[in-house]
């Protein structure tokens, strides 16, 4: 079992290091918008959202085996989670920042490839806004089977406890 954990950590380290750097992140919004308009005629953008443990990383791994595609998820997880929180509360103050981040990620991907696949579970609450503003060629929404999500969580060790839970009786509070 220890071998598999070590192997997994090595693979994840390689995966994280293989993510392309965002080379346009510090550029001005005016330049980014100009470049997006110019490059979008020849390049493609696909946005994706999903629930956790739904297979999003697995899909990115498959897409990255295809020539001319860059596919990565949760590239800017802190900003993406702030976007989701604010969108779920109808606060629009983070919209421009997330738009700029997605555009710069796409431009960075387009330096090497023709298709940029940007995935995040945090896009869910603002996917229609992102679709309207960015006009991606496709939007992918991964809907996982609840049974498969629970199986994945169990296999990950999230439910390794010995306490029996009975749904037909109320829980007793510990004093």
Foldseek 3Di string as FASTA:
>chain_A
DVVVVVVVVVVVVVVVVPQFDLPCLPPDPVVLVVVCVVLVVQAFEEEEAEDPLQCQVVVQVVQVVDPQEHADECPPVVLLQVCLVCLVVVHCPSVVVVLSVVSSSQVRSVVRHRYYYYYYNSCVSPVVVCCVPNVGPYYYYGYHDPVSSVVSCVVVPVPPDDDDDDPVDDDDDDD
